[in-house]
Amino acid sequence: MNPPTSESAAHLITLLASIMLVLQLLLVVQRMLVANIRVFATQSLLLAAIAAVVGYAYHAPHVYVVAVLTLAGKVIFLPWWLERLVRQIKIEQEIDAFVNVPAAMLICGAQTVLAYIVARPITSLERLGNNTLAVAIALMLIGFFLMINRRKAITQVLALLTMENGVMLAAIALTTYGMPLVVEIGIFFDVVVAVMVLGILVFRIRETFASMDVSKLNELKW
């Protein structure tokens, strides 16, 4: 039988992971760029909270490092930097996506069901909250869909970051309570560097086309 502390932590982790999934779905319907950035920051805060709960309840001190890096990088620094970028380029609203909102929600619902189906055979490997691994897979699938469906480069950056949140949640949801610390830190800094490079790309697209619509890159032909 699991100790009461572990059971309470599992319930809390399940609740926090479920809210992360709700916020991911909110990104699908939200068109304001600053609001999207703040939704991402809130989702990352929940991920940091999950890592802290895992570190405390399951005596995994290395997960505290993940919590601190997530809090500093994806709750504070990256949202601040992205909001500053939005103000500089003076574009506050996402243009129409490739797929309308009702159809997008249906697709994301199907992806969530698929994530639960995929995760079901390996729930025996999951030692945290129920369905946490399924939520992590759903975050990655929906994030990938967001990258395809959105036209503006900055919302595609946010989609990439939410996919990384799903990867980190999956890592701490497995029996090992996370990947080796060096791997986790490497993934974190790889994503930060990728976002910085994409930020420069956003400026270049804006300067060249007076827009952040990535579909305009099709005009770069000989």
N, C-alpha and C. Protein backbone atom coordinates (compact mmCIF):
# COMPACT_ATOMS: atom_id res chain seq x y z
N MET A 1 0.85 -1.21 0.00
CA MET A 1 0.00 0.00 0.00
C MET A 1 0.87 1.24 0.00
N ASN A 2 0.50 2.21 -0.79
CA ASN A 2 1.25 3.44 -0.84
C ASN A 2 1.02 4.26 0.42
N PRO A 3 2.06 4.96 0.90
CA PRO A 3 1.88 5.83 2.05
C PRO A 3 0.94 6.96 1.72
N PRO A 4 0.27 7.55 2.77
CA PRO A 4 -0.67 8.63 2.51
C PRO A 4 -0.07 9.79 1.75
N THR A 5 1.20 10.11 2.05
CA THR A 5 1.84 11.24 1.36
C THR A 5 1.91 11.00 -0.14
N SER A 6 2.27 9.76 -0.53
CA SER A 6 2.36 9.43 -1.95
C SER A 6 1.00 9.48 -2.62
N GLU A 7 -0.03 9.00 -1.92
CA GLU A 7 -1.38 9.02 -2.49
C GLU A 7 -1.86 10.45 -2.69
N SER A 8 -1.63 11.30 -1.69
CA SER A 8 -2.03 12.70 -1.81
C SER A 8 -1.28 13.38 -2.95
N ALA A 9 0.03 13.07 -3.06
CA ALA A 9 0.83 13.66 -4.13
C ALA A 9 0.33 13.20 -5.49
N ALA A 10 -0.06 11.92 -5.60
CA ALA A 10 -0.56 11.40 -6.87
C ALA A 10 -1.83 12.12 -7.29
N HIS A 11 -2.73 12.36 -6.33
CA HIS A 11 -3.97 13.08 -6.64
C HIS A 11 -3.68 14.52 -7.07
N LEU A 12 -2.73 15.15 -6.38
CA LEU A 12 -2.38 16.53 -6.72
C LEU A 12 -1.75 16.61 -8.10
N ILE A 13 -0.87 15.66 -8.41
CA ILE A 13 -0.22 15.62 -9.72
C ILE A 13 -1.25 15.41 -10.82
N THR A 14 -2.21 14.52 -10.58
CA THR A 14 -3.27 14.29 -11.56
C THR A 14 -4.07 15.56 -11.83
N LEU A 15 -4.39 16.29 -10.75
CA LEU A 15 -5.14 17.54 -10.90
C LEU A 15 -4.34 18.57 -11.69
N LEU A 16 -3.07 18.75 -11.34
CA LEU A 16 -2.23 19.74 -12.01
C LEU A 16 -2.03 19.38 -13.49
N ALA A 17 -1.82 18.09 -13.77
CA ALA A 17 -1.64 17.66 -15.15
C ALA A 17 -2.91 17.88 -15.97
N SER A 18 -4.07 17.65 -15.34
CA SER A 18 -5.34 17.87 -16.04
C SER A 18 -5.52 19.34 -16.39
N ILE A 19 -5.13 20.23 -15.48
CA ILE A 19 -5.23 21.66 -15.76
C ILE A 19 -4.28 22.05 -16.88
N MET A 20 -3.10 21.43 -16.92
CA MET A 20 -2.17 21.68 -18.03
C MET A 20 -2.81 21.33 -19.36
N LEU A 21 -3.55 20.23 -19.41
CA LEU A 21 -4.21 19.83 -20.65
C LEU A 21 -5.30 20.83 -21.03
N VAL A 22 -6.05 21.31 -20.04
CA VAL A 22 -7.09 22.32 -20.31
C VAL A 22 -6.46 23.59 -20.89
N LEU A 23 -5.34 24.00 -20.32
CA LEU A 23 -4.65 25.19 -20.83
C LEU A 23 -4.14 24.98 -22.25
N GLN A 24 -3.71 23.75 -22.55
CA GLN A 24 -3.26 23.45 -23.91
C GLN A 24 -4.42 23.60 -24.90
N LEU A 25 -5.61 23.15 -24.50
CA LEU A 25 -6.78 23.31 -25.36
C LEU A 25 -7.17 24.78 -25.48
N LEU A 26 -6.93 25.55 -24.42
CA LEU A 26 -7.23 26.98 -24.48
C LEU A 26 -6.35 27.68 -25.51
N LEU A 27 -5.12 27.21 -25.68
CA LEU A 27 -4.24 27.78 -26.70
C LEU A 27 -4.79 27.58 -28.11
N VAL A 28 -5.58 26.53 -28.29
CA VAL A 28 -6.15 26.25 -29.61
C VAL A 28 -7.17 27.31 -30.01
N VAL A 29 -7.91 27.83 -29.03
CA VAL A 29 -8.99 28.77 -29.35
C VAL A 29 -8.59 30.22 -29.12
N GLN A 30 -7.53 30.48 -28.37
CA GLN A 30 -7.13 31.84 -28.05
C GLN A 30 -6.33 32.46 -29.21
N ARG A 31 -6.70 33.68 -29.61
CA ARG A 31 -6.04 34.33 -30.75
C ARG A 31 -5.13 35.47 -30.34
N MET A 32 -5.26 35.99 -29.13
CA MET A 32 -4.42 37.10 -28.70
C MET A 32 -3.04 36.58 -28.31
N LEU A 33 -2.00 37.15 -28.89
CA LEU A 33 -0.65 36.63 -28.69
C LEU A 33 -0.20 36.73 -27.24
N VAL A 34 -0.43 37.88 -26.62
CA VAL A 34 -0.01 38.05 -25.22
C VAL A 34 -0.75 37.08 -24.32
N ALA A 35 -2.04 36.88 -24.58
CA ALA A 35 -2.81 35.92 -23.78
C ALA A 35 -2.25 34.51 -23.97
N ASN A 36 -1.87 34.16 -25.19
CA ASN A 36 -1.26 32.85 -25.44
C ASN A 36 0.03 32.68 -24.64
N ILE A 37 0.84 33.73 -24.61
CA ILE A 37 2.10 33.67 -23.87
C ILE A 37 1.83 33.45 -22.38
N ARG A 38 0.83 34.13 -21.85
CA ARG A 38 0.52 34.00 -20.42
C ARG A 38 -0.09 32.64 -20.10
N VAL A 39 -0.86 32.10 -21.03
CA VAL A 39 -1.37 30.74 -20.84
C VAL A 39 -0.22 29.75 -20.79
N PHE A 40 0.75 29.91 -21.69
CA PHE A 40 1.94 29.06 -21.67
C PHE A 40 2.70 29.19 -20.36
N ALA A 41 2.86 30.43 -19.86
CA ALA A 41 3.56 30.64 -18.60
C ALA A 41 2.84 29.94 -17.45
N THR A 42 1.50 30.00 -17.44
CA THR A 42 0.74 29.33 -16.39
C THR A 42 0.90 27.82 -16.49
N GLN A 43 0.88 27.31 -17.71
CA GLN A 43 1.09 25.86 -17.90
C GLN A 43 2.47 25.43 -17.39
N SER A 44 3.47 26.25 -17.69
CA SER A 44 4.82 25.94 -17.23
C SER A 44 4.92 26.01 -15.71
N LEU A 45 4.19 26.94 -15.10
CA LEU A 45 4.15 27.03 -13.64
C LEU A 45 3.58 25.75 -13.03
N LEU A 46 2.55 25.20 -13.66
CA LEU A 46 1.98 23.94 -13.18
C LEU A 46 2.98 22.80 -13.34
N LEU A 47 3.74 22.81 -14.44
CA LEU A 47 4.78 21.79 -14.62
C LEU A 47 5.84 21.88 -13.53
N ALA A 48 6.25 23.11 -13.20
CA ALA A 48 7.22 23.31 -12.12
C ALA A 48 6.66 22.81 -10.80
N ALA A 49 5.35 23.05 -10.57
CA ALA A 49 4.72 22.58 -9.34
C ALA A 49 4.69 21.06 -9.28
N ILE A 50 4.41 20.41 -10.42
CA ILE A 50 4.42 18.94 -10.46
C ILE A 50 5.81 18.42 -10.13
N ALA A 51 6.84 19.04 -10.73
CA ALA A 51 8.22 18.61 -10.44
C ALA A 51 8.55 18.78 -8.96
N ALA A 52 8.09 19.87 -8.36
CA ALA A 52 8.36 20.10 -6.94
C ALA A 52 7.64 19.05 -6.08
N VAL A 53 6.40 18.71 -6.44
CA VAL A 53 5.66 17.69 -5.69
C VAL A 53 6.36 16.34 -5.80
N VAL A 54 6.82 16.00 -7.00
CA VAL A 54 7.54 14.74 -7.19
C VAL A 54 8.81 14.71 -6.35
N GLY A 55 9.56 15.82 -6.39
CA GLY A 55 10.80 15.88 -5.62
C GLY A 55 10.57 15.71 -4.13
N TYR A 56 9.47 16.30 -3.62
CA TYR A 56 9.19 16.23 -2.18
C TYR A 56 8.61 14.88 -1.77
N ALA A 57 7.58 14.43 -2.48
CA ALA A 57 6.83 13.25 -2.06
C ALA A 57 7.56 11.95 -2.35
N TYR A 58 8.38 11.94 -3.43
CA TYR A 58 9.02 10.70 -3.84
C TYR A 58 10.53 10.73 -3.64
N HIS A 59 10.99 11.72 -2.87
CA HIS A 59 12.42 11.80 -2.50
C HIS A 59 13.32 11.72 -3.73
N ALA A 60 13.02 12.60 -4.69
CA ALA A 60 13.82 12.69 -5.92
C ALA A 60 14.38 14.10 -6.03
N PRO A 61 15.47 14.39 -5.28
CA PRO A 61 15.96 15.77 -5.21
C PRO A 61 16.40 16.35 -6.54
N HIS A 62 16.84 15.51 -7.50
CA HIS A 62 17.28 16.06 -8.78
C HIS A 62 16.13 16.70 -9.55
N VAL A 63 14.88 16.30 -9.25
CA VAL A 63 13.73 16.89 -9.93
C VAL A 63 13.52 18.33 -9.49
N TYR A 64 14.03 18.68 -8.30
CA TYR A 64 13.95 20.09 -7.88
C TYR A 64 14.68 21.00 -8.87
N VAL A 65 15.77 20.49 -9.45
CA VAL A 65 16.52 21.28 -10.43
C VAL A 65 15.64 21.57 -11.64
N VAL A 66 14.88 20.56 -12.08
CA VAL A 66 13.96 20.75 -13.20
C VAL A 66 12.91 21.80 -12.84
N ALA A 67 12.40 21.74 -11.61
CA ALA A 67 11.40 22.71 -11.17
C ALA A 67 11.95 24.13 -11.19
N VAL A 68 13.17 24.30 -10.70
CA VAL A 68 13.77 25.64 -10.64
C VAL A 68 14.06 26.15 -12.06
N LEU A 69 14.61 25.30 -12.93
CA LEU A 69 14.89 25.72 -14.30
C LEU A 69 13.61 26.08 -15.05
N THR A 70 12.56 25.28 -14.84
CA THR A 70 11.28 25.57 -15.48
C THR A 70 10.72 26.90 -15.00
N LEU A 71 10.80 27.13 -13.69
CA LEU A 71 10.28 28.37 -13.12
C LEU A 71 11.05 29.58 -13.65
N ALA A 72 12.37 29.48 -13.66
CA ALA A 72 13.19 30.61 -14.09
C ALA A 72 13.11 30.83 -15.59
N GLY A 73 13.13 29.75 -16.36
CA GLY A 73 13.21 29.87 -17.81
C GLY A 73 11.87 30.04 -18.49
N LYS A 74 10.90 29.16 -18.16
CA LYS A 74 9.65 29.13 -18.92
C LYS A 74 8.48 29.82 -18.23
N VAL A 75 8.66 30.20 -16.98
CA VAL A 75 7.61 30.96 -16.30
C VAL A 75 7.96 32.45 -16.24
N ILE A 76 9.26 32.75 -16.15
CA ILE A 76 9.69 34.14 -15.99
C ILE A 76 10.37 34.68 -17.25
N PHE A 77 11.51 34.07 -17.64
CA PHE A 77 12.34 34.67 -18.70
C PHE A 77 11.67 34.61 -20.07
N LEU A 78 11.31 33.41 -20.56
CA LEU A 78 10.78 33.29 -21.92
C LEU A 78 9.46 34.05 -22.11
N PRO A 79 8.51 33.99 -21.17
CA PRO A 79 7.30 34.81 -21.36
C PRO A 79 7.61 36.31 -21.42
N TRP A 80 8.53 36.77 -20.56
CA TRP A 80 8.92 38.18 -20.60
C TRP A 80 9.54 38.52 -21.95
N TRP A 81 10.41 37.68 -22.43
CA TRP A 81 11.11 37.94 -23.69
C TRP A 81 10.13 37.91 -24.87
N LEU A 82 9.19 36.96 -24.86
CA LEU A 82 8.22 36.85 -25.95
C LEU A 82 7.23 38.02 -25.93
N GLU A 83 6.80 38.43 -24.74
CA GLU A 83 5.90 39.60 -24.67
C GLU A 83 6.62 40.85 -25.17
N ARG A 84 7.87 40.98 -24.83
CA ARG A 84 8.67 42.12 -25.32
C ARG A 84 8.77 42.07 -26.84
N LEU A 85 8.94 40.88 -27.40
CA LEU A 85 9.00 40.71 -28.84
C LEU A 85 7.69 41.11 -29.51
N VAL A 86 6.56 40.70 -28.91
CA VAL A 86 5.25 41.05 -29.46
C VAL A 86 5.05 42.57 -29.47
N ARG A 87 5.47 43.23 -28.40
CA ARG A 87 5.32 44.69 -28.35
C ARG A 87 6.20 45.38 -29.40
N GLN A 88 7.38 44.83 -29.64
CA GLN A 88 8.29 45.45 -30.61
C GLN A 88 7.77 45.30 -32.03
N ILE A 89 7.20 44.17 -32.36
CA ILE A 89 6.72 43.97 -33.73
C ILE A 89 5.31 44.52 -33.92
N LYS A 90 4.65 44.87 -32.81
CA LYS A 90 3.34 45.55 -32.84
C LYS A 90 2.27 44.74 -33.58
N ILE A 91 2.28 43.44 -33.35
CA ILE A 91 1.22 42.58 -33.85
C ILE A 91 0.70 41.79 -32.66
N GLU A 92 -0.54 42.04 -32.26
CA GLU A 92 -1.06 41.48 -31.03
C GLU A 92 -2.02 40.32 -31.23
N GLN A 93 -2.52 40.13 -32.44
CA GLN A 93 -3.56 39.12 -32.66
C GLN A 93 -3.16 38.16 -33.75
N GLU A 94 -3.41 36.89 -33.50
CA GLU A 94 -3.16 35.83 -34.49
C GLU A 94 -4.18 35.96 -35.62
N ILE A 95 -3.71 35.80 -36.85
CA ILE A 95 -4.64 35.76 -37.98
C ILE A 95 -5.32 34.39 -38.01
N ASP A 96 -6.29 34.25 -38.89
CA ASP A 96 -7.04 33.00 -38.95
C ASP A 96 -6.10 31.81 -39.17
N ALA A 97 -6.38 30.75 -38.43
CA ALA A 97 -5.59 29.53 -38.56
C ALA A 97 -6.03 28.77 -39.81
N PHE A 98 -5.27 27.74 -40.16
CA PHE A 98 -5.61 26.93 -41.33
C PHE A 98 -6.92 26.16 -41.10
N VAL A 99 -7.14 25.71 -39.85
CA VAL A 99 -8.35 24.96 -39.49
C VAL A 99 -9.16 25.81 -38.51
N ASN A 100 -10.47 25.93 -38.73
CA ASN A 100 -11.29 26.75 -37.84
C ASN A 100 -11.40 26.13 -36.45
N VAL A 101 -11.90 26.91 -35.50
CA VAL A 101 -11.89 26.49 -34.09
C VAL A 101 -12.70 25.22 -33.83
N PRO A 102 -13.94 25.09 -34.31
CA PRO A 102 -14.67 23.84 -34.05
C PRO A 102 -13.95 22.60 -34.56
N ALA A 103 -13.45 22.68 -35.79
CA ALA A 103 -12.74 21.53 -36.36
C ALA A 103 -11.45 21.27 -35.58
N ALA A 104 -10.75 22.34 -35.17
CA ALA A 104 -9.52 22.18 -34.40
C ALA A 104 -9.78 21.50 -33.07
N MET A 105 -10.89 21.87 -32.40
CA MET A 105 -11.22 21.25 -31.12
C MET A 105 -11.55 19.77 -31.30
N LEU A 106 -12.21 19.43 -32.40
CA LEU A 106 -12.49 18.02 -32.68
C LEU A 106 -11.20 17.24 -32.89
N ILE A 107 -10.28 17.84 -33.64
CA ILE A 107 -8.98 17.18 -33.88
C ILE A 107 -8.24 16.99 -32.57
N CYS A 108 -8.22 18.02 -31.73
CA CYS A 108 -7.51 17.93 -30.45
C CYS A 108 -8.18 16.91 -29.53
N GLY A 109 -9.52 16.85 -29.58
CA GLY A 109 -10.22 15.82 -28.80
C GLY A 109 -9.82 14.43 -29.24
N ALA A 110 -9.73 14.23 -30.56
CA ALA A 110 -9.32 12.92 -31.08
C ALA A 110 -7.88 12.61 -30.67
N GLN A 111 -7.02 13.61 -30.68
CA GLN A 111 -5.63 13.41 -30.26
C GLN A 111 -5.55 13.04 -28.78
N THR A 112 -6.40 13.65 -27.96
CA THR A 112 -6.41 13.33 -26.53
C THR A 112 -6.84 11.88 -26.31
N VAL A 113 -7.90 11.46 -27.04
CA VAL A 113 -8.35 10.06 -26.94
C VAL A 113 -7.23 9.12 -27.39
N LEU A 114 -6.56 9.47 -28.48
CA LEU A 114 -5.45 8.66 -28.98
C LEU A 114 -4.34 8.56 -27.94
N ALA A 115 -4.05 9.67 -27.25
CA ALA A 115 -3.00 9.67 -26.22
C ALA A 115 -3.35 8.70 -25.10
N TYR A 116 -4.62 8.68 -24.68
CA TYR A 116 -5.03 7.76 -23.62
C TYR A 116 -4.95 6.30 -24.09
N ILE A 117 -5.29 6.07 -25.36
CA ILE A 117 -5.20 4.71 -25.89
C ILE A 117 -3.75 4.24 -25.94
N VAL A 118 -2.85 5.14 -26.38
CA VAL A 118 -1.43 4.79 -26.47
C VAL A 118 -0.84 4.55 -25.09
N ALA A 119 -1.24 5.37 -24.11
CA ALA A 119 -0.65 5.29 -22.77
C ALA A 119 -1.19 4.12 -21.95
N ARG A 120 -2.38 3.62 -22.29
CA ARG A 120 -3.00 2.60 -21.47
C ARG A 120 -2.15 1.35 -21.28
N PRO A 121 -1.51 0.81 -22.35
CA PRO A 121 -0.71 -0.42 -22.14
C PRO A 121 0.51 -0.22 -21.24
N ILE A 122 0.95 1.01 -21.04
CA ILE A 122 2.16 1.22 -20.25
C ILE A 122 1.86 1.95 -18.95
N THR A 123 0.61 1.91 -18.49
CA THR A 123 0.28 2.55 -17.21
C THR A 123 0.96 1.86 -16.04
N SER A 124 1.37 0.59 -16.23
CA SER A 124 2.08 -0.10 -15.15
C SER A 124 3.44 0.51 -14.88
N LEU A 125 3.97 1.26 -15.87
CA LEU A 125 5.26 1.92 -15.68
C LEU A 125 5.11 3.26 -14.98
N GLU A 126 3.88 3.71 -14.82
CA GLU A 126 3.63 5.05 -14.31
C GLU A 126 3.43 4.99 -12.80
N ARG A 127 4.21 5.69 -12.05
CA ARG A 127 4.15 5.63 -10.61
C ARG A 127 3.63 6.93 -10.01
N LEU A 128 3.22 7.86 -10.83
CA LEU A 128 2.69 9.12 -10.32
C LEU A 128 1.17 9.11 -10.47
N GLY A 129 0.58 10.28 -10.64
CA GLY A 129 -0.86 10.38 -10.74
C GLY A 129 -1.42 9.59 -11.91
N ASN A 130 -2.67 9.15 -11.78
CA ASN A 130 -3.31 8.41 -12.86
C ASN A 130 -3.41 9.26 -14.12
N ASN A 131 -3.09 8.64 -15.26
CA ASN A 131 -3.23 9.28 -16.58
C ASN A 131 -2.24 10.41 -16.83
N THR A 132 -1.25 10.58 -15.98
CA THR A 132 -0.28 11.66 -16.19
C THR A 132 0.48 11.46 -17.49
N LEU A 133 0.86 10.23 -17.78
CA LEU A 133 1.58 9.95 -19.02
C LEU A 133 0.69 10.22 -20.23
N ALA A 134 -0.59 9.86 -20.14
CA ALA A 134 -1.51 10.13 -21.24
C ALA A 134 -1.64 11.63 -21.48
N VAL A 135 -1.71 12.41 -20.42
CA VAL A 135 -1.78 13.87 -20.56
C VAL A 135 -0.51 14.38 -21.24
N ALA A 136 0.64 13.85 -20.86
CA ALA A 136 1.90 14.29 -21.46
C ALA A 136 1.91 14.02 -22.96
N ILE A 137 1.44 12.85 -23.37
CA ILE A 137 1.39 12.52 -24.80
C ILE A 137 0.41 13.44 -25.51
N ALA A 138 -0.73 13.73 -24.86
CA ALA A 138 -1.72 14.64 -25.46
C ALA A 138 -1.13 16.03 -25.65
N LEU A 139 -0.35 16.50 -24.67
CA LEU A 139 0.30 17.81 -24.81
C LEU A 139 1.21 17.85 -26.02
N MET A 140 1.97 16.78 -26.25
CA MET A 140 2.87 16.74 -27.39
C MET A 140 2.11 16.70 -28.71
N LEU A 141 1.05 15.90 -28.77
CA LEU A 141 0.27 15.80 -30.01
C LEU A 141 -0.43 17.11 -30.34
N ILE A 142 -1.05 17.72 -29.33
CA ILE A 142 -1.75 18.99 -29.58
C ILE A 142 -0.76 20.09 -29.92
N GLY A 143 0.41 20.09 -29.26
CA GLY A 143 1.44 21.07 -29.59
C GLY A 143 1.90 20.93 -31.03
N PHE A 144 2.05 19.70 -31.49
CA PHE A 144 2.45 19.48 -32.89
C PHE A 144 1.36 19.98 -33.84
N PHE A 145 0.10 19.74 -33.48
CA PHE A 145 -1.00 20.24 -34.31
C PHE A 145 -1.00 21.77 -34.34
N LEU A 146 -0.73 22.40 -33.21
CA LEU A 146 -0.69 23.87 -33.16
C LEU A 146 0.40 24.42 -34.07
N MET A 147 1.54 23.74 -34.13
CA MET A 147 2.62 24.20 -35.00
C MET A 147 2.19 24.16 -36.46
N ILE A 148 1.39 23.17 -36.82
CA ILE A 148 0.94 23.05 -38.21
C ILE A 148 -0.20 24.04 -38.49
N ASN A 149 -1.07 24.23 -37.52
CA ASN A 149 -2.31 24.97 -37.75
C ASN A 149 -2.14 26.49 -37.69
N ARG A 150 -1.17 26.98 -36.92
CA ARG A 150 -1.03 28.43 -36.76
C ARG A 150 -0.13 29.01 -37.84
N ARG A 151 -0.41 30.25 -38.22
CA ARG A 151 0.33 30.90 -39.29
C ARG A 151 1.48 31.76 -38.78
N LYS A 152 1.33 32.34 -37.59
CA LYS A 152 2.35 33.27 -37.10
C LYS A 152 3.50 32.52 -36.44
N ALA A 153 4.70 33.01 -36.69
CA ALA A 153 5.90 32.33 -36.20
C ALA A 153 5.92 32.26 -34.67
N ILE A 154 5.44 33.33 -34.02
CA ILE A 154 5.55 33.37 -32.56
C ILE A 154 4.63 32.34 -31.91
N THR A 155 3.45 32.08 -32.49
CA THR A 155 2.58 31.06 -31.93
C THR A 155 3.13 29.66 -32.21
N GLN A 156 3.88 29.52 -33.28
CA GLN A 156 4.55 28.24 -33.52
C GLN A 156 5.68 28.01 -32.51
N VAL A 157 6.33 29.08 -32.09
CA VAL A 157 7.33 28.98 -31.02
C VAL A 157 6.66 28.50 -29.74
N LEU A 158 5.51 29.08 -29.41
CA LEU A 158 4.78 28.67 -28.22
C LEU A 158 4.36 27.20 -28.31
N ALA A 159 3.95 26.77 -29.50
CA ALA A 159 3.57 25.37 -29.69
C ALA A 159 4.76 24.44 -29.42
N LEU A 160 5.93 24.85 -29.90
CA LEU A 160 7.14 24.07 -29.64
C LEU A 160 7.42 23.98 -28.14
N LEU A 161 7.24 25.08 -27.44
CA LEU A 161 7.49 25.10 -26.00
C LEU A 161 6.49 24.23 -25.24
N THR A 162 5.23 24.22 -25.68
CA THR A 162 4.26 23.36 -25.00
C THR A 162 4.55 21.89 -25.29
N MET A 163 5.06 21.57 -26.48
CA MET A 163 5.49 20.20 -26.74
C MET A 163 6.60 19.78 -25.79
N GLU A 164 7.53 20.71 -25.54
CA GLU A 164 8.61 20.42 -24.60
C GLU A 164 8.08 20.22 -23.19
N ASN A 165 7.03 20.97 -22.82
CA ASN A 165 6.39 20.74 -21.53
C ASN A 165 5.85 19.32 -21.44
N GLY A 166 5.27 18.84 -22.55
CA GLY A 166 4.78 17.47 -22.57
C GLY A 166 5.90 16.45 -22.42
N VAL A 167 7.04 16.72 -23.07
CA VAL A 167 8.19 15.81 -22.95
C VAL A 167 8.67 15.74 -21.50
N MET A 168 8.77 16.91 -20.85
CA MET A 168 9.25 16.93 -19.47
C MET A 168 8.25 16.26 -18.53
N LEU A 169 6.95 16.46 -18.78
CA LEU A 169 5.94 15.80 -17.95
C LEU A 169 6.02 14.29 -18.12
N ALA A 170 6.21 13.83 -19.35
CA ALA A 170 6.36 12.40 -19.59
C ALA A 170 7.59 11.85 -18.88
N ALA A 171 8.67 12.63 -18.87
CA ALA A 171 9.91 12.17 -18.25
C ALA A 171 9.73 11.93 -16.76
N ILE A 172 9.04 12.86 -16.08
CA ILE A 172 8.89 12.70 -14.63
C ILE A 172 7.71 11.81 -14.27
N ALA A 173 6.92 11.38 -15.27
CA ALA A 173 5.77 10.52 -15.01
C ALA A 173 6.13 9.04 -15.06
N LEU A 174 7.35 8.72 -15.49
CA LEU A 174 7.75 7.33 -15.62
C LEU A 174 8.40 6.83 -14.34
N THR A 175 8.69 5.57 -14.30
CA THR A 175 9.19 4.94 -13.08
C THR A 175 10.48 5.55 -12.58
N THR A 176 11.30 6.04 -13.48
CA THR A 176 12.61 6.56 -13.08
C THR A 176 12.52 7.94 -12.45
N TYR A 177 11.28 8.52 -12.41
CA TYR A 177 11.08 9.89 -11.92
C TYR A 177 11.94 10.88 -12.69
N GLY A 178 11.97 10.66 -13.97
CA GLY A 178 12.67 11.63 -14.80
C GLY A 178 13.89 11.03 -15.47
N MET A 179 14.30 11.67 -16.54
CA MET A 179 15.52 11.28 -17.22
C MET A 179 16.70 11.70 -16.38
N PRO A 180 17.91 11.23 -16.70
CA PRO A 180 19.08 11.72 -15.99
C PRO A 180 19.14 13.24 -16.03
N LEU A 181 19.62 13.84 -14.95
CA LEU A 181 19.59 15.29 -14.81
C LEU A 181 20.31 15.98 -15.97
N VAL A 182 21.44 15.44 -16.41
CA VAL A 182 22.20 16.05 -17.49
C VAL A 182 21.36 16.12 -18.77
N VAL A 183 20.59 15.05 -19.04
CA VAL A 183 19.74 15.02 -20.22
C VAL A 183 18.64 16.07 -20.11
N GLU A 184 18.02 16.17 -18.93
CA GLU A 184 16.95 17.14 -18.73
C GLU A 184 17.46 18.57 -18.92
N ILE A 185 18.62 18.87 -18.36
CA ILE A 185 19.19 20.21 -18.50
C ILE A 185 19.55 20.47 -19.96
N GLY A 186 20.08 19.43 -20.65
CA GLY A 186 20.42 19.59 -22.07
C GLY A 186 19.20 19.90 -22.91
N ILE A 187 18.08 19.19 -22.67
CA ILE A 187 16.85 19.46 -23.40
C ILE A 187 16.37 20.87 -23.14
N PHE A 188 16.42 21.28 -21.87
CA PHE A 188 15.95 22.62 -21.50
C PHE A 188 16.72 23.69 -22.24
N PHE A 189 18.05 23.62 -22.23
CA PHE A 189 18.84 24.66 -22.88
C PHE A 189 18.76 24.58 -24.40
N ASP A 190 18.58 23.37 -24.95
CA ASP A 190 18.35 23.25 -26.39
C ASP A 190 17.10 24.00 -26.81
N VAL A 191 16.04 23.87 -26.00
CA VAL A 191 14.78 24.56 -26.32
C VAL A 191 14.96 26.06 -26.20
N VAL A 192 15.66 26.52 -25.15
CA VAL A 192 15.88 27.96 -24.97
C VAL A 192 16.64 28.53 -26.16
N VAL A 193 17.70 27.84 -26.59
CA VAL A 193 18.48 28.32 -27.74
C VAL A 193 17.61 28.33 -28.99
N ALA A 194 16.79 27.27 -29.18
CA ALA A 194 15.91 27.20 -30.35
C ALA A 194 14.93 28.38 -30.36
N VAL A 195 14.39 28.72 -29.20
CA VAL A 195 13.45 29.83 -29.12
C VAL A 195 14.15 31.15 -29.44
N MET A 196 15.38 31.33 -28.95
CA MET A 196 16.12 32.55 -29.25
C MET A 196 16.37 32.67 -30.76
N VAL A 197 16.74 31.56 -31.39
CA VAL A 197 16.98 31.57 -32.84
C VAL A 197 15.68 31.87 -33.59
N LEU A 198 14.58 31.26 -33.14
CA LEU A 198 13.30 31.51 -33.79
C LEU A 198 12.85 32.95 -33.59
N GLY A 199 13.22 33.54 -32.45
CA GLY A 199 12.92 34.95 -32.23
C GLY A 199 13.61 35.84 -33.26
N ILE A 200 14.87 35.53 -33.55
CA ILE A 200 15.59 36.27 -34.59
C ILE A 200 14.93 36.07 -35.94
N LEU A 201 14.47 34.82 -36.21
CA LEU A 201 13.78 34.54 -37.46
C LEU A 201 12.49 35.34 -37.57
N VAL A 202 11.78 35.50 -36.45
CA VAL A 202 10.55 36.30 -36.46
C VAL A 202 10.84 37.73 -36.91
N PHE A 203 11.94 38.31 -36.38
CA PHE A 203 12.32 39.67 -36.78
C PHE A 203 12.62 39.73 -38.27
N ARG A 204 13.33 38.73 -38.79
CA ARG A 204 13.67 38.73 -40.20
C ARG A 204 12.44 38.62 -41.07
N ILE A 205 11.50 37.74 -40.68
CA ILE A 205 10.26 37.60 -41.44
C ILE A 205 9.49 38.92 -41.41
N ARG A 206 9.45 39.54 -40.23
CA ARG A 206 8.73 40.81 -40.09
C ARG A 206 9.35 41.91 -40.96
N GLU A 207 10.69 41.98 -40.98
CA GLU A 207 11.36 43.00 -41.76
C GLU A 207 11.16 42.79 -43.26
N THR A 208 11.15 41.53 -43.68
CA THR A 208 11.08 41.22 -45.11
C THR A 208 9.66 41.33 -45.67
N PHE A 209 8.69 40.82 -44.91
CA PHE A 209 7.33 40.72 -45.42
C PHE A 209 6.33 41.63 -44.70
N ALA A 210 6.78 42.38 -43.69
CA ALA A 210 5.87 43.20 -42.86
C ALA A 210 4.75 42.36 -42.28
N SER A 211 5.07 41.12 -41.96
CA SER A 211 4.09 40.18 -41.41
C SER A 211 4.85 39.05 -40.74
N MET A 212 4.14 38.35 -39.82
CA MET A 212 4.72 37.14 -39.22
C MET A 212 4.08 35.88 -39.77
N ASP A 213 3.36 36.00 -40.84
CA ASP A 213 2.71 34.85 -41.46
C ASP A 213 3.78 34.00 -42.15
N VAL A 214 4.05 32.80 -41.61
CA VAL A 214 5.12 31.96 -42.16
C VAL A 214 4.79 31.45 -43.56
N SER A 215 3.51 31.48 -43.94
CA SER A 215 3.17 31.02 -45.29
C SER A 215 3.76 31.92 -46.35
N LYS A 216 4.11 33.15 -45.97
CA LYS A 216 4.73 34.07 -46.93
C LYS A 216 6.14 33.66 -47.29
N LEU A 217 6.71 32.71 -46.54
CA LEU A 217 8.04 32.20 -46.90
C LEU A 217 8.01 31.47 -48.24
N ASN A 218 6.81 31.08 -48.67
CA ASN A 218 6.68 30.45 -49.98
C ASN A 218 7.05 31.39 -51.12
N GLU A 219 7.06 32.72 -50.80
CA GLU A 219 7.43 33.69 -51.83
C GLU A 219 8.94 33.73 -52.08
N LEU A 220 9.71 33.06 -51.22
CA LEU A 220 11.17 33.05 -51.39
C LEU A 220 11.55 31.99 -52.43
N LYS A 221 11.31 32.30 -53.69
CA LYS A 221 11.62 31.37 -54.77
C LYS A 221 12.49 32.09 -55.78
N TRP A 222 13.28 31.29 -56.47
CA TRP A 222 14.14 31.85 -57.50
C TRP A 222 13.28 32.27 -58.67
